[in-house]
């Protein structure tokens, strides 16, 4: 495999995959939307007398690189990659491609790609297998918030994930691939056809029933709890989302467990979110109230939201476009850490509302 000159040379070279690559940049329109149109590349190669070019947008890069490496075959190797290791070759291609795409404006507007285990799982699929559909930036959230569960599972500790909504079963395959063989994967769905993904010998359990049925849910929890991760990807109706959260959150591990709710974008679609909780709340509005509950250590002394079990056992909430994530850890009243003795008085006293006197809040 050798370099094939083409296009406009950007003047940089790097040794990758056993080939000296000249970087070229095909400039597209810089946009910060989900369908990034800023094309990086092409990288140009010659293999067995045939010229091959690889170009992709940032958001498409992992999947496109994996497909390109598979298409080129085991002869397309080197640079520390074993023959036939398409994943290694694809990672190297992505690194080169993104290094060649050096537009600062785009870099600040589009999240980096290529490091998520979940994104690489999607990239490694060849079109066969069980179907799943995920919004791309959800994969970044999985990488960030499910990392502890993955580390525990790969370290041999007991880990259980419960996904509400199985459908075709592709996401169960994803959890298995990323979390590893020792993880317990539990899925709940009302559709009996989803039982095809039930594989107890592999640690994958599919429960057919309504999560809103207390008797059914108690059977699931008897087998699955405590839960390292709960992912609600079921009906996307606010009443179901809220009811499931209230029923399942107490069973999430208190030492780093995560509860995530996907596709809350439906809360903003009047034709979809017709059925809400009894008080008319959408799940997003419900979650916003939980922000006040999280901060109750600060508000309760002033007549605000009272401290609850949720306050004491939730460390953080994270809002994404279409997704809400709760992280569960002990959350006592916060304390201050202070170093140094050379200090200026606060310009404004938060205790009394007067200027020129030291103070900060009423908590000591």
Foldseek 3Di string as FASTA:
>chain_A
DEADDDDDFPPDWDQAFNYIWTFDADADDQDLDLQGGGKFDFIWDADPNDIDTAMDGQLCQLLSQLVVLVVVAQVSGDRPGHRRNSNVRSLRSSVVRVVSRDDPVNPVRYDGDRPFPLVNVVSNDPPDDFDDDDRSCVSVVCRVQVVVLLVCLVVPHEAEEEEEDQVRNPVVVSCCVRSHQRYAYEYEEQDPVSCVNDDVVSNYHYQHDDCLDPVSVVVVCVPGFQHQEYEYPYLLAQQSVVSNCVVNVVRHDLAWGKYKYFQVVLVVPCVRHVDHHPVPDGNVNVVVVVVQQLVQLQCVVVVGDHHDPSNQFWDDWDDDVGMIMTTTYGHDRDDDDDDDDPDDADQAAPVPRHGDHHHDGDDD
